[in-house]
Full PDB file with SEQRES, HELIX, SHEET, SSBOND, CRYST1, ORIGX, SCALE, CONECT and MASTER records, all heavy atoms in Angstrom:
SEQRES   1 A   34  THR ASP ALA PHE GLY ARG LYS CYS LEU LEU ALA ARG ARG          
SEQRES   2 A   34  LEU VAL GLU GLN GLY VAL ARG PHE VAL GLN VAL TYR SER          
SEQRES   3 A   34  GLY GLY TRP ASP SER HIS ASP TYR                              
HELIX    1 AA1 ASP A    2  GLU A   16  1                                  15    
CRYST1    1.000    1.000    1.000  90.00  90.00  90.00 P 1           1          
ORIGX1      1.000000  0.000000  0.000000        0.00000                         
ORIGX2      0.000000  1.000000  0.000000        0.00000                         
ORIGX3      0.000000  0.000000  1.000000        0.00000                         
SCALE1      1.000000  0.000000  0.000000        0.00000                         
SCALE2      0.000000  1.000000  0.000000        0.00000                         
SCALE3      0.000000  0.000000  1.000000        0.00000                         
ATOM      1  N   THR A   1     -70.565 124.313 199.068  1.00  0.00           N  
ATOM      2  CA  THR A   1     -71.557 125.327 199.479  1.00  0.00           C  
ATOM      3  C   THR A   1     -71.075 126.756 199.356  1.00  0.00           C  
ATOM      4  O   THR A   1     -71.816 127.679 199.648  1.00  0.00           O  
ATOM      5  CB  THR A   1     -71.898 125.024 201.014  1.00  0.00           C  
ATOM      6  OG1 THR A   1     -70.670 125.067 201.753  1.00  0.00           O  
ATOM      7  CG2 THR A   1     -72.592 123.720 201.141  1.00  0.00           C  
ATOM      8  N   ASP A   2     -69.860 126.958 198.973  1.00  0.00           N  
ATOM      9  CA  ASP A   2     -69.306 128.340 198.998  1.00  0.00           C  
ATOM     10  C   ASP A   2     -70.113 129.341 198.210  1.00  0.00           C  
ATOM     11  O   ASP A   2     -70.452 130.402 198.673  1.00  0.00           O  
ATOM     12  CB  ASP A   2     -67.836 128.313 198.519  1.00  0.00           C  
ATOM     13  CG  ASP A   2     -67.206 129.719 198.571  1.00  0.00           C  
ATOM     14  OD1 ASP A   2     -66.889 130.169 199.691  1.00  0.00           O  
ATOM     15  OD2 ASP A   2     -67.089 130.315 197.520  1.00  0.00           O  
ATOM     16  N   ALA A   3     -70.391 129.040 196.945  1.00  0.00           N  
ATOM     17  CA  ALA A   3     -71.074 129.986 196.055  1.00  0.00           C  
ATOM     18  C   ALA A   3     -72.436 130.392 196.561  1.00  0.00           C  
ATOM     19  O   ALA A   3     -72.768 131.573 196.719  1.00  0.00           O  
ATOM     20  CB  ALA A   3     -71.219 129.409 194.646  1.00  0.00           C  
ATOM     21  N   PHE A   4     -73.287 129.418 196.948  1.00  0.00           N  
ATOM     22  CA  PHE A   4     -74.623 129.700 197.443  1.00  0.00           C  
ATOM     23  C   PHE A   4     -74.537 130.276 198.862  1.00  0.00           C  
ATOM     24  O   PHE A   4     -75.357 131.159 199.232  1.00  0.00           O  
ATOM     25  CB  PHE A   4     -75.529 128.512 197.361  1.00  0.00           C  
ATOM     26  CG  PHE A   4     -76.966 128.812 197.459  1.00  0.00           C  
ATOM     27  CD1 PHE A   4     -77.672 129.387 196.404  1.00  0.00           C  
ATOM     28  CD2 PHE A   4     -77.691 128.595 198.645  1.00  0.00           C  
ATOM     29  CE1 PHE A   4     -79.016 129.712 196.479  1.00  0.00           C  
ATOM     30  CE2 PHE A   4     -79.026 128.894 198.754  1.00  0.00           C  
ATOM     31  CZ  PHE A   4     -79.704 129.450 197.692  1.00  0.00           C  
ATOM     32  N   GLY A   5     -73.588 129.794 199.654  1.00  0.00           N  
ATOM     33  CA  GLY A   5     -73.453 130.266 200.989  1.00  0.00           C  
ATOM     34  C   GLY A   5     -73.131 131.753 201.038  1.00  0.00           C  
ATOM     35  O   GLY A   5     -73.629 132.549 201.882  1.00  0.00           O  
ATOM     36  N   ARG A   6     -72.291 132.221 200.141  1.00  0.00           N  
ATOM     37  CA  ARG A   6     -71.949 133.661 200.047  1.00  0.00           C  
ATOM     38  C   ARG A   6     -73.187 134.502 199.675  1.00  0.00           C  
ATOM     39  O   ARG A   6     -73.375 135.567 200.233  1.00  0.00           O  
ATOM     40  CB  ARG A   6     -70.835 133.874 199.011  1.00  0.00           C  
ATOM     41  CG  ARG A   6     -69.442 133.416 199.464  1.00  0.00           C  
ATOM     42  CD  ARG A   6     -68.413 133.579 198.401  1.00  0.00           C  
ATOM     43  NE  ARG A   6     -67.069 133.123 198.864  1.00  0.00           N  
ATOM     44  CZ  ARG A   6     -66.267 133.913 199.537  1.00  0.00           C  
ATOM     45  NH1 ARG A   6     -66.583 135.182 199.800  1.00  0.00           N  
ATOM     46  NH2 ARG A   6     -65.083 133.464 199.959  1.00  0.00           N  
ATOM     47  N   LYS A   7     -73.987 133.944 198.790  1.00  0.00           N  
ATOM     48  CA  LYS A   7     -75.183 134.703 198.384  1.00  0.00           C  
ATOM     49  C   LYS A   7     -76.176 134.778 199.567  1.00  0.00           C  
ATOM     50  O   LYS A   7     -76.824 135.816 199.795  1.00  0.00           O  
ATOM     51  CB  LYS A   7     -75.831 134.065 197.161  1.00  0.00           C  
ATOM     52  CG  LYS A   7     -75.005 134.359 195.907  1.00  0.00           C  
ATOM     53  CD  LYS A   7     -75.735 134.015 194.626  1.00  0.00           C  
ATOM     54  CE  LYS A   7     -75.702 132.526 194.337  1.00  0.00           C  
ATOM     55  NZ  LYS A   7     -76.228 132.198 193.028  1.00  0.00           N  
ATOM     56  N   CYS A   8     -76.348 133.693 200.291  1.00  0.00           N  
ATOM     57  CA  CYS A   8     -77.292 133.712 201.442  1.00  0.00           C  
ATOM     58  C   CYS A   8     -76.785 134.662 202.530  1.00  0.00           C  
ATOM     59  O   CYS A   8     -77.578 135.408 203.125  1.00  0.00           O  
ATOM     60  CB  CYS A   8     -77.463 132.308 202.021  1.00  0.00           C  
ATOM     61  SG  CYS A   8     -78.488 131.246 200.997  1.00  0.00           S  
ATOM     62  N   LEU A   9     -75.445 134.644 202.804  1.00  0.00           N  
ATOM     63  CA  LEU A   9     -74.933 135.539 203.774  1.00  0.00           C  
ATOM     64  C   LEU A   9     -75.079 137.013 203.376  1.00  0.00           C  
ATOM     65  O   LEU A   9     -75.393 137.893 204.147  1.00  0.00           O  
ATOM     66  CB  LEU A   9     -73.455 135.192 204.052  1.00  0.00           C  
ATOM     67  CG  LEU A   9     -72.680 136.034 205.067  1.00  0.00           C  
ATOM     68  CD1 LEU A   9     -73.410 136.148 206.401  1.00  0.00           C  
ATOM     69  CD2 LEU A   9     -71.264 135.444 205.306  1.00  0.00           C  
ATOM     70  N   LEU A  10     -74.821 137.235 202.077  1.00  0.00           N  
ATOM     71  CA  LEU A  10     -74.993 138.645 201.560  1.00  0.00           C  
ATOM     72  C   LEU A  10     -76.421 139.047 201.625  1.00  0.00           C  
ATOM     73  O   LEU A  10     -76.719 140.231 201.951  1.00  0.00           O  
ATOM     74  CB  LEU A  10     -74.452 138.710 200.131  1.00  0.00           C  
ATOM     75  CG  LEU A  10     -74.561 140.008 199.407  1.00  0.00           C  
ATOM     76  CD1 LEU A  10     -73.903 141.132 200.243  1.00  0.00           C  
ATOM     77  CD2 LEU A  10     -73.983 139.977 198.006  1.00  0.00           C  
ATOM     78  N   ALA A  11     -77.368 138.134 201.366  1.00  0.00           N  
ATOM     79  CA  ALA A  11     -78.778 138.470 201.473  1.00  0.00           C  
ATOM     80  C   ALA A  11     -79.119 138.916 202.858  1.00  0.00           C  
ATOM     81  O   ALA A  11     -79.887 139.869 203.059  1.00  0.00           O  
ATOM     82  CB  ALA A  11     -79.640 137.232 201.015  1.00  0.00           C  
ATOM     83  N   ARG A  12     -78.602 138.198 203.869  1.00  0.00           N  
ATOM     84  CA  ARG A  12     -78.876 138.604 205.255  1.00  0.00           C  
ATOM     85  C   ARG A  12     -78.286 139.968 205.532  1.00  0.00           C  
ATOM     86  O   ARG A  12     -78.945 140.842 206.173  1.00  0.00           O  
ATOM     87  CB  ARG A  12     -78.239 137.608 206.206  1.00  0.00           C  
ATOM     88  CG  ARG A  12     -78.639 137.824 207.722  1.00  0.00           C  
ATOM     89  CD  ARG A  12     -77.431 137.699 208.586  1.00  0.00           C  
ATOM     90  NE  ARG A  12     -76.632 138.893 208.630  1.00  0.00           N  
ATOM     91  CZ  ARG A  12     -75.335 138.908 208.975  1.00  0.00           C  
ATOM     92  NH1 ARG A  12     -74.658 137.796 209.246  1.00  0.00           N  
ATOM     93  NH2 ARG A  12     -74.692 140.063 208.970  1.00  0.00           N  
ATOM     94  N   ARG A  13     -77.095 140.222 205.044  1.00  0.00           N  
ATOM     95  CA  ARG A  13     -76.452 141.543 205.310  1.00  0.00           C  
ATOM     96  C   ARG A  13     -77.217 142.667 204.623  1.00  0.00           C  
ATOM     97  O   ARG A  13     -77.368 143.759 205.161  1.00  0.00           O  
ATOM     98  CB  ARG A  13     -75.012 141.549 204.783  1.00  0.00           C  
ATOM     99  CG  ARG A  13     -74.096 140.638 205.630  1.00  0.00           C  
ATOM    100  CD  ARG A  13     -72.743 140.519 204.972  1.00  0.00           C  
ATOM    101  NE  ARG A  13     -71.994 141.800 204.952  1.00  0.00           N  
ATOM    102  CZ  ARG A  13     -71.202 142.253 205.948  1.00  0.00           C  
ATOM    103  NH1 ARG A  13     -71.071 141.507 207.059  1.00  0.00           N  
ATOM    104  NH2 ARG A  13     -70.530 143.390 205.844  1.00  0.00           N  
ATOM    105  N   LEU A  14     -77.789 142.344 203.432  1.00  0.00           N  
ATOM    106  CA  LEU A  14     -78.532 143.383 202.688  1.00  0.00           C  
ATOM    107  C   LEU A  14     -79.871 143.769 203.400  1.00  0.00           C  
ATOM    108  O   LEU A  14     -80.195 144.900 203.592  1.00  0.00           O  
ATOM    109  CB  LEU A  14     -78.828 142.924 201.295  1.00  0.00           C  
ATOM    110  CG  LEU A  14     -77.640 142.870 200.374  1.00  0.00           C  
ATOM    111  CD1 LEU A  14     -77.953 142.109 199.096  1.00  0.00           C  
ATOM    112  CD2 LEU A  14     -77.089 144.236 200.029  1.00  0.00           C  
ATOM    113  N   VAL A  15     -80.631 142.742 203.827  1.00  0.00           N  
ATOM    114  CA  VAL A  15     -81.914 143.015 204.499  1.00  0.00           C  
ATOM    115  C   VAL A  15     -81.642 143.700 205.868  1.00  0.00           C  
ATOM    116  O   VAL A  15     -82.467 144.510 206.354  1.00  0.00           O  
ATOM    117  CB  VAL A  15     -82.848 141.815 204.643  1.00  0.00           C  
ATOM    118  CG1 VAL A  15     -83.217 141.257 203.265  1.00  0.00           C  
ATOM    119  CG2 VAL A  15     -82.170 140.706 205.473  1.00  0.00           C  
ATOM    120  N   GLU A  16     -80.537 143.318 206.462  1.00  0.00           N  
ATOM    121  CA  GLU A  16     -80.160 143.862 207.737  1.00  0.00           C  
ATOM    122  C   GLU A  16     -79.926 145.344 207.615  1.00  0.00           C  
ATOM    123  O   GLU A  16     -80.182 146.153 208.532  1.00  0.00           O  
ATOM    124  CB  GLU A  16     -78.888 143.194 208.295  1.00  0.00           C  
ATOM    125  CG  GLU A  16     -78.586 143.532 209.724  1.00  0.00           C  
ATOM    126  CD  GLU A  16     -77.402 142.728 210.232  1.00  0.00           C  
ATOM    127  OE1 GLU A  16     -76.508 142.341 209.440  1.00  0.00           O  
ATOM    128  OE2 GLU A  16     -77.421 142.367 211.460  1.00  0.00           O  
ATOM    129  N   GLN A  17     -79.505 145.824 206.421  1.00  0.00           N  
ATOM    130  CA  GLN A  17     -79.218 147.221 206.146  1.00  0.00           C  
ATOM    131  C   GLN A  17     -80.370 147.903 205.459  1.00  0.00           C  
ATOM    132  O   GLN A  17     -80.176 149.045 204.986  1.00  0.00           O  
ATOM    133  CB  GLN A  17     -77.923 147.336 205.336  1.00  0.00           C  
ATOM    134  CG  GLN A  17     -76.673 146.853 206.036  1.00  0.00           C  
ATOM    135  CD  GLN A  17     -76.414 147.621 207.360  1.00  0.00           C  
ATOM    136  OE1 GLN A  17     -76.558 148.835 207.403  1.00  0.00           O  
ATOM    137  NE2 GLN A  17     -76.051 146.898 208.380  1.00  0.00           N  
ATOM    138  N   GLY A  18     -81.524 147.286 205.388  1.00  0.00           N  
ATOM    139  CA  GLY A  18     -82.701 147.970 204.908  1.00  0.00           C  
ATOM    140  C   GLY A  18     -83.139 147.707 203.488  1.00  0.00           C  
ATOM    141  O   GLY A  18     -84.074 148.331 202.993  1.00  0.00           O  
ATOM    142  N   VAL A  19     -82.512 146.760 202.794  1.00  0.00           N  
ATOM    143  CA  VAL A  19     -82.940 146.396 201.456  1.00  0.00           C  
ATOM    144  C   VAL A  19     -84.250 145.687 201.610  1.00  0.00           C  
ATOM    145  O   VAL A  19     -84.383 144.759 202.412  1.00  0.00           O  
ATOM    146  CB  VAL A  19     -81.913 145.561 200.711  1.00  0.00           C  
ATOM    147  CG1 VAL A  19     -82.453 145.069 199.384  1.00  0.00           C  
ATOM    148  CG2 VAL A  19     -80.630 146.314 200.522  1.00  0.00           C  
ATOM    149  N   ARG A  20     -85.219 146.077 200.832  1.00  0.00           N  
ATOM    150  CA  ARG A  20     -86.556 145.584 200.979  1.00  0.00           C  
ATOM    151  C   ARG A  20     -86.773 144.143 200.388  1.00  0.00           C  
ATOM    152  O   ARG A  20     -87.445 143.346 201.003  1.00  0.00           O  
ATOM    153  CB  ARG A  20     -87.551 146.514 200.307  1.00  0.00           C  
ATOM    154  CG  ARG A  20     -89.052 146.149 200.487  1.00  0.00           C  
ATOM    155  CD  ARG A  20     -89.505 146.417 201.887  1.00  0.00           C  
ATOM    156  NE  ARG A  20     -89.707 147.807 202.149  1.00  0.00           N  
ATOM    157  CZ  ARG A  20     -90.151 148.318 203.272  1.00  0.00           C  
ATOM    158  NH1 ARG A  20     -90.502 147.484 204.263  1.00  0.00           N  
ATOM    159  NH2 ARG A  20     -90.320 149.640 203.473  1.00  0.00           N  
ATOM    160  N   PHE A  21     -86.212 143.869 199.264  1.00  0.00           N  
ATOM    161  CA  PHE A  21     -86.445 142.588 198.573  1.00  0.00           C  
ATOM    162  C   PHE A  21     -85.155 142.098 197.949  1.00  0.00           C  
ATOM    163  O   PHE A  21     -84.529 142.795 197.166  1.00  0.00           O  
ATOM    164  CB  PHE A  21     -87.486 142.801 197.457  1.00  0.00           C  
ATOM    165  CG  PHE A  21     -88.138 141.529 196.940  1.00  0.00           C  
ATOM    166  CD1 PHE A  21     -89.426 141.135 197.414  1.00  0.00           C  
ATOM    167  CD2 PHE A  21     -87.514 140.743 196.024  1.00  0.00           C  
ATOM    168  CE1 PHE A  21     -89.994 139.952 196.949  1.00  0.00           C  
ATOM    169  CE2 PHE A  21     -88.087 139.566 195.546  1.00  0.00           C  
ATOM    170  CZ  PHE A  21     -89.344 139.232 196.023  1.00  0.00           C  
ATOM    171  N   VAL A  22     -84.768 140.862 198.290  1.00  0.00           N  
ATOM    172  CA  VAL A  22     -83.545 140.252 197.748  1.00  0.00           C  
ATOM    173  C   VAL A  22     -83.932 138.884 197.123  1.00  0.00           C  
ATOM    174  O   VAL A  22     -84.589 138.077 197.823  1.00  0.00           O  
ATOM    175  CB  VAL A  22     -82.487 140.038 198.820  1.00  0.00           C  
ATOM    176  CG1 VAL A  22     -81.211 139.410 198.210  1.00  0.00           C  
ATOM    177  CG2 VAL A  22     -82.131 141.324 199.522  1.00  0.00           C  
ATOM    178  N   GLN A  23     -83.587 138.678 195.897  1.00  0.00           N  
ATOM    179  CA  GLN A  23     -83.832 137.364 195.261  1.00  0.00           C  
ATOM    180  C   GLN A  23     -82.534 136.701 194.984  1.00  0.00           C  
ATOM    181  O   GLN A  23     -81.609 137.291 194.403  1.00  0.00           O  
ATOM    182  CB  GLN A  23     -84.603 137.543 193.909  1.00  0.00           C  
ATOM    183  CG  GLN A  23     -85.083 136.273 193.387  1.00  0.00           C  
ATOM    184  CD  GLN A  23     -85.974 136.414 192.175  1.00  0.00           C  
ATOM    185  OE1 GLN A  23     -85.727 137.198 191.275  1.00  0.00           O  
ATOM    186  NE2 GLN A  23     -87.122 135.653 192.118  1.00  0.00           N  
ATOM    187  N   VAL A  24     -82.428 135.434 195.421  1.00  0.00           N  
ATOM    188  CA  VAL A  24     -81.224 134.659 195.365  1.00  0.00           C  
ATOM    189  C   VAL A  24     -81.494 133.478 194.441  1.00  0.00           C  
ATOM    190  O   VAL A  24     -82.451 132.707 194.639  1.00  0.00           O  
ATOM    191  CB  VAL A  24     -80.771 134.141 196.721  1.00  0.00           C  
ATOM    192  CG1 VAL A  24     -79.448 133.378 196.657  1.00  0.00           C  
ATOM    193  CG2 VAL A  24     -80.676 135.274 197.751  1.00  0.00           C  
ATOM    194  N   TYR A  25     -80.613 133.262 193.462  1.00  0.00           N  
ATOM    195  CA  TYR A  25     -80.836 132.190 192.472  1.00  0.00           C  
ATOM    196  C   TYR A  25     -79.894 131.034 192.697  1.00  0.00           C  
ATOM    197  O   TYR A  25     -78.711 131.189 193.017  1.00  0.00           O  
ATOM    198  CB  TYR A  25     -80.588 132.720 191.047  1.00  0.00           C  
ATOM    199  CG  TYR A  25     -81.776 133.426 190.451  1.00  0.00           C  
ATOM    200  CD1 TYR A  25     -82.020 134.746 190.700  1.00  0.00           C  
ATOM    201  CD2 TYR A  25     -82.689 132.716 189.649  1.00  0.00           C  
ATOM    202  CE1 TYR A  25     -83.150 135.387 190.160  1.00  0.00           C  
ATOM    203  CE2 TYR A  25     -83.803 133.330 189.103  1.00  0.00           C  
ATOM    204  CZ  TYR A  25     -84.030 134.668 189.379  1.00  0.00           C  
ATOM    205  OH  TYR A  25     -85.130 135.263 188.858  1.00  0.00           O  
ATOM    206  N   SER A  26     -80.446 129.865 192.535  1.00  0.00           N  
ATOM    207  CA  SER A  26     -79.667 128.614 192.377  1.00  0.00           C  
ATOM    208  C   SER A  26     -80.141 127.934 191.129  1.00  0.00           C  
ATOM    209  O   SER A  26     -81.357 127.693 190.934  1.00  0.00           O  
ATOM    210  CB  SER A  26     -79.910 127.654 193.589  1.00  0.00           C  
ATOM    211  OG  SER A  26     -79.375 126.371 193.372  1.00  0.00           O  
ATOM    212  N   GLY A  27     -79.253 127.662 190.153  1.00  0.00           N  
ATOM    213  CA  GLY A  27     -79.646 127.058 188.933  1.00  0.00           C  
ATOM    214  C   GLY A  27     -79.283 125.639 188.746  1.00  0.00           C  
ATOM    215  O   GLY A  27     -78.652 125.050 189.583  1.00  0.00           O  
ATOM    216  N   GLY A  28     -79.772 125.013 187.649  1.00  0.00           N  
ATOM    217  CA  GLY A  28     -79.455 123.665 187.315  1.00  0.00           C  
ATOM    218  C   GLY A  28     -80.384 122.575 187.779  1.00  0.00           C  
ATOM    219  O   GLY A  28     -80.031 121.398 187.751  1.00  0.00           O  
ATOM    220  N   TRP A  29     -81.637 122.935 188.220  1.00  0.00           N  
ATOM    221  CA  TRP A  29     -82.541 121.965 188.783  1.00  0.00           C  
ATOM    222  C   TRP A  29     -83.358 121.261 187.702  1.00  0.00           C  
ATOM    223  O   TRP A  29     -84.241 120.458 188.076  1.00  0.00           O  
ATOM    224  CB  TRP A  29     -83.514 122.696 189.737  1.00  0.00           C  
ATOM    225  CG  TRP A  29     -82.828 123.201 191.033  1.00  0.00           C  
ATOM    226  CD1 TRP A  29     -82.179 124.369 191.199  1.00  0.00           C  
ATOM    227  CD2 TRP A  29     -82.731 122.486 192.203  1.00  0.00           C  
ATOM    228  NE1 TRP A  29     -81.667 124.465 192.480  1.00  0.00           N  
ATOM    229  CE2 TRP A  29     -81.974 123.286 193.124  1.00  0.00           C  
ATOM    230  CE3 TRP A  29     -83.197 121.213 192.697  1.00  0.00           C  
ATOM    231  CZ2 TRP A  29     -81.708 122.932 194.457  1.00  0.00           C  
ATOM    232  CZ3 TRP A  29     -82.879 120.873 193.985  1.00  0.00           C  
ATOM    233  CH2 TRP A  29     -82.188 121.697 194.849  1.00  0.00           C  
ATOM    234  N   ASP A  30     -83.018 121.419 186.422  1.00  0.00           N  
ATOM    235  CA  ASP A  30     -83.833 120.810 185.355  1.00  0.00           C  
ATOM    236  C   ASP A  30     -83.296 119.334 185.107  1.00  0.00           C  
ATOM    237  O   ASP A  30     -82.665 119.056 184.128  1.00  0.00           O  
ATOM    238  CB  ASP A  30     -83.636 121.628 184.114  1.00  0.00           C  
ATOM    239  CG  ASP A  30     -84.618 121.238 183.000  1.00  0.00           C  
ATOM    240  OD1 ASP A  30     -85.690 120.622 183.327  1.00  0.00           O  
ATOM    241  OD2 ASP A  30     -84.327 121.506 181.790  1.00  0.00           O  
ATOM    242  N   SER A  31     -83.682 118.423 186.052  1.00  0.00           N  
ATOM    243  CA  SER A  31     -83.058 117.109 186.025  1.00  0.00           C  
ATOM    244  C   SER A  31     -83.927 116.092 185.249  1.00  0.00           C  
ATOM    245  O   SER A  31     -84.681 115.296 185.820  1.00  0.00           O  
ATOM    246  CB  SER A  31     -82.879 116.632 187.454  1.00  0.00           C  
ATOM    247  OG  SER A  31     -82.053 117.490 188.154  1.00  0.00           O  
ATOM    248  N   HIS A  32     -83.848 116.171 183.934  1.00  0.00           N  
ATOM    249  CA  HIS A  32     -84.469 115.182 183.089  1.00  0.00           C  
ATOM    250  C   HIS A  32     -83.849 113.803 183.111  1.00  0.00           C  
ATOM    251  O   HIS A  32     -84.511 112.778 182.961  1.00  0.00           O  
ATOM    252  CB  HIS A  32     -84.565 115.666 181.600  1.00  0.00           C  
ATOM    253  CG  HIS A  32     -85.436 116.817 181.373  1.00  0.00           C  
ATOM    254  ND1 HIS A  32     -86.800 116.685 181.217  1.00  0.00           N  
ATOM    255  CD2 HIS A  32     -85.143 118.150 181.295  1.00  0.00           C  
ATOM    256  CE1 HIS A  32     -87.326 117.895 181.031  1.00  0.00           C  
ATOM    257  NE2 HIS A  32     -86.308 118.807 181.046  1.00  0.00           N  
ATOM    258  N   ASP A  33     -82.539 113.837 183.419  1.00  0.00           N  
ATOM    259  CA  ASP A  33     -81.807 112.575 183.485  1.00  0.00           C  
ATOM    260  C   ASP A  33     -80.873 112.669 184.731  1.00  0.00           C  
ATOM    261  O   ASP A  33     -80.561 113.733 185.228  1.00  0.00           O  
ATOM    262  CB  ASP A  33     -80.964 112.354 182.238  1.00  0.00           C  
ATOM    263  CG  ASP A  33     -81.821 112.351 180.951  1.00  0.00           C  
ATOM    264  OD1 ASP A  33     -82.772 111.520 180.894  1.00  0.00           O  
ATOM    265  OD2 ASP A  33     -81.540 113.155 180.086  1.00  0.00           O  
ATOM    266  N   TYR A  34     -80.384 111.477 185.124  1.00  0.00           N  
ATOM    267  CA  TYR A  34     -79.429 111.401 186.263  1.00  0.00           C  
ATOM    268  C   TYR A  34     -79.927 112.201 187.480  1.00  0.00           C  
ATOM    269  O   TYR A  34     -79.192 113.003 188.045  1.00  0.00           O  
ATOM    270  CB  TYR A  34     -78.058 111.905 185.769  1.00  0.00           C  
ATOM    271  CG  TYR A  34     -77.594 111.189 184.488  1.00  0.00           C  
ATOM    272  CD1 TYR A  34     -77.575 111.878 183.277  1.00  0.00           C  
ATOM    273  CD2 TYR A  34     -77.215 109.813 184.560  1.00  0.00           C  
ATOM    274  CE1 TYR A  34     -77.237 111.215 182.131  1.00  0.00           C  
ATOM    275  CE2 TYR A  34     -76.881 109.164 183.381  1.00  0.00           C  
ATOM    276  CZ  TYR A  34     -76.874 109.848 182.186  1.00  0.00           C  
ATOM    277  OH  TYR A  34     -76.491 109.177 181.025  1.00  0.00           O  
TER     278      TYR A  34                                                      
MASTER        0    0    0    1    0    0    0    6  277    1    0    3          
END                                                                             
């Protein structure tokens, strides 16, 4: 969880300081197999 956890925590810190819109990406959901 470290990579995505850091981004979520940073997103909270950013909106807390007045950033209006934060987009957080998680990739790799294209599961055609397995």
